[in-house]
Amino acid sequence: MKQPSEIRPAQGRLGVLLPGFGAVATTFVAGVEAARKGIAKPVGSLTQMATIRLGKRTDARTPFIKDFVSLAGLEDLVFGAWDPIPDDGYASAVNAGVLLPEHVEPIKDFLKSIKPMPAVFDPAYVKKLNGPNTKSGPTKKDLAEQLRADIRNFKSENGCDRLVMVWCGSTEVYVQAGPAHQTIEVFEKAMEENDASITPSMLYAYAAIMEGVPYANGAPNLSADFPALEQLAIEKGVPICGKDFKTGQTLMKTILAPGFKTRMLGLSGWFSTNILGNRDGEVLDDPESFKTKEVSKLGVLEHILQPEIYPDLYGNMYHKVRINYYPPRGDNKEGWDNIDIFGWMGYPMQIKVDFLCRDSILAAPIVLDLALFLDLASRAGMKGIQEWLSFYFKSPQTAPGLYPEHDIFIQHWKLKNTLRWMMGEEQITHLGVEYYE
């Protein structure tokens, strides 16, 4: 790909549209407002907290990413949402129970001002949820057109110069790409015929791309990752990426597994179980939604460890994932891992990980970074799949036939090198021989 000849400046307001206004979305919105008011720091966000090295180590050039590339400022962000439950941002945040009152109450009026638009929602695809704040129409194509109208109205009413959309909704039932997903003509016909393989999240993705709005999928379900919408994104010049925010247990896997592989330590088995009690946990209590999540979580180790290349180390690896709905925990998920590894002469060893994490706290900065980076990509004229944003996902979207990179350290390197490339800076290889010549 040619280096961008020009990156349009991040002038004016950026609207961040959020399908799904539950724990993740309200925690994200509240955190941005808290940062704007100086109440809290945006910890976990690369766009706000990370630096990037430029040139040689001896050059001492390490600006913050937000000072190196043209990103929208937090003060320029405006938020819109859809949700089948009509609660405003304050009621939804209180109900989610992620944030303490001392963080919610000072921004109560701001949160109350964000009221979700009626959602495109069908309980057939998310069986454990329902709500009255929904759209109706004779066909799925009509529902998609209603979403497009919402997007245009939001942009006009809020004086936005640009928009991005980040799916923060629940995990839908497992759907594989089929005949209806191959071309945009067939896809639009399937929408008009209310084809069962067309899910609500696909309608949001279609609406966003048709309106020129960059789209990221934070859930593991099929949404924009099939030929019809991938091609449409290229034709419309829209950046897309996904899928499934990399937060708790999978975050730990993408940190630990590369370490085992780097040291050529073998892996006999990895048993993972989770307990969580938020809306996500309730949804995943349904076997069809869990299947979608399971596929997303299981692929990580196989891609990192490459058992086909290293059969002696990983050829007989056993990988099991469990998710259990446990209401008392709320959003405070516990991810427990038993890892059986082996070393020199095949001697066995064990590692136990008990990650008492806060799912939405880990997801919120991902939403922020994706919104700002997708907007940057759009202004740089980058279109279609943005694999450089794989860092944020459990199941990174890639070009057809290309396996995804799951190693978090390679993903991080790729992200920063893409920013350097965009700005005409030298790539960092870490070779370093010039220091010893």
Protein backbone atom coordinates (compact mmCIF):
# COMPACT_ATOMS: atom_id res chain seq x y z
CA MET A 1 0.00 0.00 0.00
CA LYS A 2 1.20 3.48 -0.82
CA GLN A 3 2.03 5.70 2.12
CA PRO A 4 -0.73 8.30 2.66
CA SER A 5 0.17 11.43 0.72
CA GLU A 6 -1.93 13.51 3.07
CA ILE A 7 -3.71 12.97 6.37
CA ARG A 8 -6.58 15.37 6.79
CA PRO A 9 -6.41 17.20 10.13
CA ALA A 10 -8.67 16.14 13.00
CA GLN A 11 -10.73 19.32 12.98
CA GLY A 12 -14.23 19.60 14.42
CA ARG A 13 -16.36 17.16 16.37
CA LEU A 14 -16.08 13.38 16.14
CA GLY A 15 -19.26 11.46 16.83
CA VAL A 16 -18.76 8.03 18.39
CA LEU A 17 -21.76 5.80 17.73
CA LEU A 18 -22.25 2.81 20.02
CA PRO A 19 -24.63 -0.04 19.18
CA GLY A 20 -25.18 -1.42 22.69
CA PHE A 21 -25.29 0.94 25.67
CA GLY A 22 -24.60 -1.41 28.56
CA ALA A 23 -21.59 -1.90 30.83
CA VAL A 24 -18.80 -1.46 28.26
CA ALA A 25 -20.26 1.56 26.46
CA THR A 26 -21.30 3.47 29.59
CA THR A 27 -17.93 2.78 31.24
CA PHE A 28 -16.19 4.10 28.13
CA VAL A 29 -18.34 7.23 27.93
CA ALA A 30 -18.06 7.91 31.67
CA GLY A 31 -14.29 7.45 31.56
CA VAL A 32 -13.87 9.93 28.71
CA GLU A 33 -15.96 12.53 30.54
CA ALA A 34 -14.06 11.87 33.78
CA ALA A 35 -10.78 12.43 31.92
CA ARG A 36 -12.14 15.63 30.38
CA LYS A 37 -13.03 16.89 33.85
CA GLY A 38 -9.71 15.81 35.40
CA ILE A 39 -11.42 13.28 37.68
CA ALA A 40 -9.56 10.23 36.35
CA LYS A 41 -6.78 9.26 33.96
CA PRO A 42 -7.47 7.27 30.75
CA VAL A 43 -5.34 4.33 31.91
CA GLY A 44 -5.06 1.51 29.38
CA SER A 45 -5.36 3.76 26.33
CA LEU A 46 -2.43 3.82 23.93
CA THR A 47 -3.76 6.94 22.21
CA GLN A 48 -3.70 8.85 25.51
CA MET A 49 -0.91 7.31 27.61
CA ALA A 50 1.64 5.65 25.30
CA THR A 51 4.75 7.02 23.64
CA ILE A 52 6.33 5.94 20.35
CA ARG A 53 10.04 5.71 19.65
CA LEU A 54 11.25 7.43 16.49
CA GLY A 55 14.67 6.83 14.98
CA LYS A 56 17.62 5.43 16.91
CA ARG A 57 17.64 4.87 20.65
CA THR A 58 20.37 7.50 20.87
CA ASP A 59 18.11 10.08 19.21
CA ALA A 60 15.93 10.29 22.33
CA ARG A 61 12.77 10.95 20.27
CA THR A 62 9.82 9.42 22.11
CA PRO A 63 6.74 11.64 21.74
CA PHE A 64 3.33 10.60 22.96
CA ILE A 65 1.33 8.94 20.19
CA LYS A 66 -1.31 11.65 20.51
CA ASP A 67 1.37 14.27 19.79
CA PHE A 68 2.91 12.29 16.92
CA VAL A 69 -0.20 11.62 14.82
CA SER A 70 -3.24 13.82 14.30
CA LEU A 71 -5.91 12.35 16.59
CA ALA A 72 -9.23 13.80 17.66
CA GLY A 73 -9.00 15.26 21.17
CA LEU A 74 -11.17 13.96 23.99
CA GLU A 75 -12.89 17.34 24.10
CA ASP A 76 -14.08 16.83 20.50
CA LEU A 77 -15.90 13.53 21.14
CA VAL A 78 -19.71 13.35 21.06
CA PHE A 79 -21.56 10.13 21.90
CA GLY A 80 -24.62 8.41 20.49
CA ALA A 81 -25.98 4.94 21.15
CA TRP A 82 -28.67 2.39 20.36
CA ASP A 83 -30.03 -0.11 22.86
CA PRO A 84 -33.23 -2.16 23.27
CA ILE A 85 -33.30 -1.05 26.91
CA PRO A 86 -34.27 2.65 27.05
CA ASP A 87 -32.16 3.59 30.11
CA ASP A 88 -30.13 6.77 29.72
CA GLY A 89 -26.39 6.70 30.35
CA TYR A 90 -26.71 7.35 34.06
CA ALA A 91 -29.34 4.67 34.71
CA SER A 92 -27.44 2.20 32.55
CA ALA A 93 -24.13 2.88 34.32
CA VAL A 94 -25.75 2.51 37.74
CA ASN A 95 -27.43 -0.73 36.67
CA ALA A 96 -24.18 -2.10 35.23
CA GLY A 97 -22.48 -1.54 38.58
CA VAL A 98 -19.00 -1.20 37.11
CA LEU A 99 -18.20 2.28 38.42
CA LEU A 100 -18.38 3.51 41.99
CA PRO A 101 -20.81 6.31 42.89
CA GLU A 102 -17.94 8.75 43.43
CA HIS A 103 -17.09 8.43 39.75
CA VAL A 104 -20.66 8.38 38.42
CA GLU A 105 -22.34 11.12 40.47
CA PRO A 106 -20.06 14.02 39.42
CA ILE A 107 -20.97 13.35 35.76
CA LYS A 108 -24.60 12.38 36.36
CA ASP A 109 -26.08 15.17 34.23
CA PHE A 110 -23.75 14.37 31.34
CA LEU A 111 -24.64 10.67 31.44
CA LYS A 112 -28.35 11.46 31.66
CA SER A 113 -28.07 13.51 28.47
CA ILE A 114 -27.21 10.40 26.43
CA LYS A 115 -30.37 8.48 25.63
CA PRO A 116 -30.16 5.43 23.37
CA MET A 117 -31.96 5.49 20.06
CA PRO A 118 -34.38 2.60 19.38
CA ALA A 119 -32.29 -0.41 18.45
CA VAL A 120 -32.48 -2.95 15.67
CA PHE A 121 -32.87 -5.98 17.90
CA ASP A 122 -34.20 -9.50 17.60
CA PRO A 123 -34.22 -11.89 20.59
CA ALA A 124 -33.71 -14.77 18.16
CA TYR A 125 -30.06 -13.67 17.94
CA VAL A 126 -29.52 -12.71 21.61
CA LYS A 127 -31.83 -15.00 23.51
CA LYS A 128 -31.27 -13.85 27.08
CA LEU A 129 -32.13 -10.18 26.47
CA ASN A 130 -35.16 -8.16 25.47
CA GLY A 131 -36.43 -4.62 25.73
CA PRO A 132 -39.07 -2.21 24.45
CA ASN A 133 -36.76 0.35 22.79
CA THR A 134 -36.66 -1.29 19.37
CA LYS A 135 -37.33 -0.47 15.75
CA SER A 136 -39.89 -2.21 13.58
CA GLY A 137 -40.12 -2.55 9.81
CA PRO A 138 -41.33 -4.92 7.13
CA THR A 139 -37.82 -6.02 6.09
CA LYS A 140 -34.27 -6.04 7.37
CA LYS A 141 -33.38 -3.70 4.52
CA ASP A 142 -35.93 -1.23 5.88
CA LEU A 143 -34.38 -1.53 9.36
CA ALA A 144 -30.95 -0.86 7.90
CA GLU A 145 -32.30 2.25 6.17
CA GLN A 146 -33.69 3.43 9.52
CA LEU A 147 -30.20 3.07 11.01
CA ARG A 148 -28.74 5.06 8.12
CA ALA A 149 -31.27 7.81 8.85
CA ASP A 150 -30.27 7.74 12.54
CA ILE A 151 -26.62 8.18 11.54
CA ARG A 152 -27.36 11.15 9.30
CA ASN A 153 -29.64 12.77 11.88
CA PHE A 154 -27.11 12.31 14.70
CA LYS A 155 -24.36 13.89 12.63
CA SER A 156 -26.53 16.87 11.73
CA GLU A 157 -28.09 17.43 15.15
CA ASN A 158 -24.74 17.24 16.98
CA GLY A 159 -22.73 19.26 14.49
CA CYS A 160 -20.27 16.43 13.87
CA ASP A 161 -17.65 16.65 11.14
CA ARG A 162 -16.94 12.91 11.21
CA LEU A 163 -18.33 9.72 12.74
CA VAL A 164 -17.09 6.29 13.82
CA MET A 165 -19.07 3.27 15.02
CA VAL A 166 -17.89 0.68 17.57
CA TRP A 167 -20.14 -2.31 18.28
CA CYS A 168 -20.48 -2.71 22.06
CA GLY A 169 -23.56 -4.92 21.93
CA SER A 170 -24.00 -8.45 23.22
CA THR A 171 -22.68 -11.58 21.53
CA GLU A 172 -25.11 -12.90 18.93
CA VAL A 173 -25.72 -16.57 18.17
CA TYR A 174 -23.17 -18.38 16.04
CA VAL A 175 -23.57 -17.69 12.31
CA GLN A 176 -21.13 -18.63 9.57
CA ALA A 177 -20.76 -16.75 6.30
CA GLY A 178 -22.95 -18.36 3.64
CA PRO A 179 -24.40 -17.64 0.21
CA ALA A 180 -26.15 -14.45 1.41
CA HIS A 181 -22.81 -12.91 2.45
CA GLN A 182 -20.78 -13.24 -0.75
CA THR A 183 -21.68 -10.08 -2.73
CA ILE A 184 -23.39 -6.84 -1.81
CA GLU A 185 -26.13 -7.45 -4.39
CA VAL A 186 -26.97 -10.84 -2.86
CA PHE A 187 -26.65 -9.42 0.66
CA GLU A 188 -29.11 -6.58 -0.04
CA LYS A 189 -31.56 -9.02 -1.64
CA ALA A 190 -31.25 -11.27 1.45
CA MET A 191 -32.05 -8.26 3.66
CA GLU A 192 -35.17 -7.57 1.63
CA GLU A 193 -36.19 -11.23 2.00
CA ASN A 194 -35.53 -11.23 5.78
CA ASP A 195 -32.97 -13.99 5.43
CA ALA A 196 -32.29 -15.57 8.85
CA SER A 197 -28.52 -15.46 8.24
CA ILE A 198 -28.62 -11.63 8.33
CA THR A 199 -28.17 -10.59 11.97
CA PRO A 200 -28.78 -7.19 13.60
CA SER A 201 -25.06 -6.45 13.94
CA MET A 202 -24.67 -6.92 10.17
CA LEU A 203 -27.34 -4.27 9.62
CA TYR A 204 -25.38 -1.81 11.77
CA ALA A 205 -22.17 -2.61 9.89
CA TYR A 206 -23.92 -2.20 6.53
CA ALA A 207 -25.50 1.10 7.60
CA ALA A 208 -22.17 2.45 8.84
CA ILE A 209 -20.26 1.51 5.68
CA MET A 210 -22.99 2.87 3.40
CA GLU A 211 -22.81 6.19 5.30
CA GLY A 212 -19.01 6.31 5.09
CA VAL A 213 -18.59 5.64 8.82
CA PRO A 214 -15.62 3.49 9.98
CA TYR A 215 -16.80 0.37 11.83
CA ALA A 216 -15.25 -1.85 14.53
CA ASN A 217 -16.85 -5.00 15.91
CA GLY A 218 -16.18 -5.53 19.62
CA ALA A 219 -18.06 -8.85 19.84
CA PRO A 220 -17.16 -12.27 18.40
CA ASN A 221 -20.19 -12.66 16.13
CA LEU A 222 -20.10 -12.37 12.34
CA SER A 223 -20.72 -8.70 11.59
CA ALA A 224 -18.54 -7.05 8.90
CA ASP A 225 -16.09 -9.90 8.37
CA PHE A 226 -17.45 -11.46 5.19
CA PRO A 227 -16.89 -10.78 1.47
CA ALA A 228 -19.92 -8.57 0.77
CA LEU A 229 -19.18 -5.97 3.45
CA GLU A 230 -15.41 -6.22 3.12
CA GLN A 231 -15.73 -5.35 -0.57
CA LEU A 232 -18.30 -2.65 0.16
CA ALA A 233 -15.90 -1.06 2.65
CA ILE A 234 -13.22 -0.85 -0.04
CA GLU A 235 -15.63 0.59 -2.60
CA LYS A 236 -16.90 3.21 -0.12
CA GLY A 237 -13.41 3.99 1.20
CA VAL A 238 -14.32 2.98 4.76
CA PRO A 239 -11.93 1.43 7.32
CA ILE A 240 -13.27 -1.64 9.19
CA CYS A 241 -11.79 -3.93 11.82
CA GLY A 242 -12.69 -6.57 14.39
CA LYS A 243 -13.48 -8.66 16.20
CA ASP A 244 -14.10 -9.34 19.90
CA PHE A 245 -12.35 -6.97 22.33
CA LYS A 246 -9.24 -8.61 23.81
CA THR A 247 -9.77 -8.08 27.52
CA GLY A 248 -9.44 -10.64 30.35
CA GLN A 249 -8.42 -14.25 29.91
CA THR A 250 -7.48 -14.01 26.24
CA LEU A 251 -5.33 -10.98 26.97
CA MET A 252 -3.34 -13.15 29.38
CA LYS A 253 -3.07 -15.96 26.80
CA THR A 254 -1.64 -13.63 24.17
CA ILE A 255 0.92 -12.43 26.74
CA LEU A 256 1.93 -15.85 28.12
CA ALA A 257 1.79 -18.11 25.05
CA PRO A 258 4.35 -16.08 23.05
CA GLY A 259 6.71 -16.43 26.02
CA PHE A 260 6.40 -20.22 26.03
CA LYS A 261 6.96 -20.38 22.29
CA THR A 262 9.91 -17.98 22.42
CA ARG A 263 11.63 -20.28 24.94
CA MET A 264 10.56 -23.44 23.04
CA LEU A 265 8.70 -24.77 26.08
CA GLY A 266 6.08 -27.40 25.32
CA LEU A 267 2.39 -27.20 26.17
CA SER A 268 0.34 -30.26 27.07
CA GLY A 269 -2.89 -28.54 27.97
CA TRP A 270 -4.57 -25.26 28.85
CA PHE A 271 -7.83 -25.33 30.76
CA SER A 272 -9.65 -22.02 31.07
CA THR A 273 -12.81 -21.23 32.98
CA ASN A 274 -14.57 -17.93 33.62
CA ILE A 275 -17.24 -16.73 35.99
CA LEU A 276 -19.00 -13.44 35.42
CA GLY A 277 -22.37 -11.97 36.24
CA ASN A 278 -22.96 -9.00 33.97
CA ARG A 279 -25.23 -8.79 30.93
CA ASP A 280 -22.49 -10.42 28.87
CA GLY A 281 -22.42 -13.39 31.24
CA GLU A 282 -26.18 -13.77 31.04
CA VAL A 283 -26.11 -13.69 27.24
CA LEU A 284 -23.27 -16.23 27.09
CA ASP A 285 -25.30 -18.56 29.29
CA ASP A 286 -27.14 -19.37 26.06
CA PRO A 287 -25.31 -22.21 24.24
CA GLU A 288 -25.62 -20.60 20.80
CA SER A 289 -24.08 -17.31 21.95
CA PHE A 290 -21.40 -19.22 23.87
CA LYS A 291 -20.50 -21.10 20.68
CA THR A 292 -19.70 -17.75 19.04
CA LYS A 293 -17.46 -16.74 21.95
CA GLU A 294 -15.83 -20.18 22.21
CA VAL A 295 -14.72 -20.13 18.58
CA SER A 296 -13.19 -16.68 19.15
CA LYS A 297 -11.32 -17.72 22.29
CA LEU A 298 -10.11 -21.13 21.09
CA GLY A 299 -8.28 -19.91 17.99
CA VAL A 300 -5.72 -17.84 19.88
CA LEU A 301 -3.35 -20.56 21.10
CA GLU A 302 -3.37 -22.54 17.87
CA HIS A 303 -2.34 -19.50 15.84
CA ILE A 304 0.36 -18.37 18.28
CA LEU A 305 1.92 -21.78 18.96
CA GLN A 306 1.65 -23.23 15.41
CA PRO A 307 1.38 -26.93 16.32
CA GLU A 308 1.72 -27.89 12.65
CA ILE A 309 5.24 -26.40 12.66
CA TYR A 310 6.17 -27.51 16.19
CA PRO A 311 4.47 -30.91 16.62
CA ASP A 312 6.89 -32.07 19.34
CA LEU A 313 5.97 -29.08 21.51
CA TYR A 314 2.33 -28.37 20.68
CA GLY A 315 1.04 -31.20 18.49
CA ASN A 316 -0.89 -32.87 21.34
CA MET A 317 -2.02 -29.70 23.11
CA TYR A 318 -5.47 -29.90 24.75
CA HIS A 319 -7.32 -26.57 25.00
CA LYS A 320 -10.63 -26.19 26.81
CA VAL A 321 -12.62 -23.00 27.50
CA ARG A 322 -15.61 -22.61 29.83
CA ILE A 323 -17.76 -19.55 30.66
CA ASN A 324 -20.18 -19.67 33.57
CA TYR A 325 -22.84 -17.12 34.46
CA TYR A 326 -22.53 -16.26 38.15
CA PRO A 327 -24.66 -13.21 39.10
CA PRO A 328 -22.94 -12.25 42.38
CA ARG A 329 -19.75 -11.23 40.53
CA GLY A 330 -21.40 -8.64 38.29
CA ASP A 331 -18.81 -7.14 35.95
CA ASN A 332 -15.90 -8.36 38.09
CA LYS A 333 -15.01 -11.44 36.08
CA GLU A 334 -12.69 -14.17 37.30
CA GLY A 335 -10.66 -15.98 34.68
CA TRP A 336 -8.91 -19.08 36.01
CA ASP A 337 -6.30 -20.95 33.97
CA ASN A 338 -4.48 -24.21 34.58
CA ILE A 339 -1.52 -24.50 32.21
CA ASP A 340 0.46 -27.74 31.86
CA ILE A 341 3.81 -27.11 30.21
CA PHE A 342 6.92 -29.25 29.81
CA GLY A 343 10.60 -28.51 29.47
CA TRP A 344 13.99 -30.13 29.10
CA MET A 345 13.76 -33.91 28.59
CA GLY A 346 9.97 -33.62 28.73
CA TYR A 347 9.71 -32.85 32.46
CA PRO A 348 6.27 -31.44 33.34
CA MET A 349 5.58 -28.11 35.05
CA GLN A 350 2.41 -26.21 35.89
CA ILE A 351 1.32 -22.59 35.94
CA LYS A 352 -1.88 -21.34 37.60
CA VAL A 353 -3.35 -17.96 36.71
CA ASP A 354 -6.27 -16.42 38.58
CA PHE A 355 -7.12 -13.12 36.93
CA LEU A 356 -9.68 -11.17 38.95
CA CYS A 357 -10.37 -8.63 36.27
CA ARG A 358 -12.97 -5.98 35.51
CA ASP A 359 -14.12 -6.69 31.99
CA SER A 360 -15.55 -3.27 31.15
CA ILE A 361 -12.58 -1.47 32.72
CA LEU A 362 -10.31 -3.36 30.32
CA ALA A 363 -12.65 -2.85 27.35
CA ALA A 364 -13.33 0.89 27.73
CA PRO A 365 -9.86 2.12 26.63
CA ILE A 366 -10.05 -0.26 23.66
CA VAL A 367 -13.25 1.48 22.51
CA LEU A 368 -11.53 4.85 22.78
CA ASP A 369 -8.42 3.80 20.88
CA LEU A 370 -10.41 2.11 18.12
CA ALA A 371 -12.58 5.19 17.67
CA LEU A 372 -9.57 7.51 17.40
CA PHE A 373 -7.42 5.21 15.26
CA LEU A 374 -10.26 4.39 12.86
CA ASP A 375 -10.91 8.10 12.46
CA LEU A 376 -7.20 8.59 11.76
CA ALA A 377 -7.25 5.79 9.18
CA SER A 378 -10.27 7.34 7.49
CA ARG A 379 -8.62 10.76 7.28
CA ALA A 380 -5.50 9.09 5.84
CA GLY A 381 -7.54 7.49 3.06
CA MET A 382 -7.05 3.93 4.35
CA LYS A 383 -9.95 1.65 3.51
CA GLY A 384 -11.16 -1.88 4.09
CA ILE A 385 -9.66 -4.18 6.74
CA GLN A 386 -7.29 -2.45 9.17
CA GLU A 387 -5.18 -5.40 10.31
CA TRP A 388 -2.80 -3.07 12.15
CA LEU A 389 -5.51 -2.76 14.82
CA SER A 390 -5.34 -6.53 15.59
CA PHE A 391 -3.78 -5.56 18.94
CA TYR A 392 -7.27 -4.90 20.29
CA PHE A 393 -9.06 -8.12 19.23
CA LYS A 394 -9.35 -11.80 20.09
CA SER A 395 -10.18 -12.71 16.46
CA PRO A 396 -8.37 -10.15 14.29
CA GLN A 397 -9.90 -9.55 10.89
CA THR A 398 -7.48 -10.21 8.02
CA ALA A 399 -7.45 -10.38 4.24
CA PRO A 400 -8.95 -13.60 2.81
CA GLY A 401 -6.48 -16.48 3.03
CA LEU A 402 -4.21 -14.69 5.52
CA TYR A 403 -3.93 -16.16 9.02
CA PRO A 404 -4.33 -13.67 11.88
CA GLU A 405 -1.41 -12.63 14.07
CA HIS A 406 -2.30 -13.18 17.75
CA ASP A 407 1.03 -12.55 19.49
CA ILE A 408 0.33 -9.30 21.38
CA PHE A 409 3.95 -8.14 21.10
CA ILE A 410 4.01 -8.57 17.32
CA GLN A 411 0.60 -6.86 17.15
CA HIS A 412 1.95 -3.93 19.20
CA TRP A 413 5.03 -3.66 16.98
CA LYS A 414 2.81 -3.72 13.87
CA LEU A 415 0.53 -0.99 15.25
CA LYS A 416 3.41 1.37 16.03
CA ASN A 417 5.21 0.64 12.76
CA THR A 418 2.00 1.47 10.90
CA LEU A 419 1.88 4.84 12.65
CA ARG A 420 5.53 5.44 11.73
CA TRP A 421 4.78 4.46 8.12
CA MET A 422 1.79 6.80 7.99
CA MET A 423 3.97 9.70 9.12
CA GLY A 424 6.97 8.91 6.90
CA GLU A 425 9.20 7.81 9.77
CA GLU A 426 11.70 4.96 9.59
CA GLN A 427 10.43 1.51 10.63
CA ILE A 428 11.87 0.12 13.87
CA THR A 429 13.43 -3.34 13.35
CA HIS A 430 15.39 -3.58 16.65
CA LEU A 431 18.39 -4.88 14.68
CA GLY A 432 20.72 -2.35 16.33
CA VAL A 433 23.99 -3.42 14.69
CA GLU A 434 24.83 0.19 13.93
CA TYR A 435 25.51 0.81 17.63
CA TYR A 436 28.41 -1.68 17.53
CA GLU A 437 30.07 -0.84 14.24
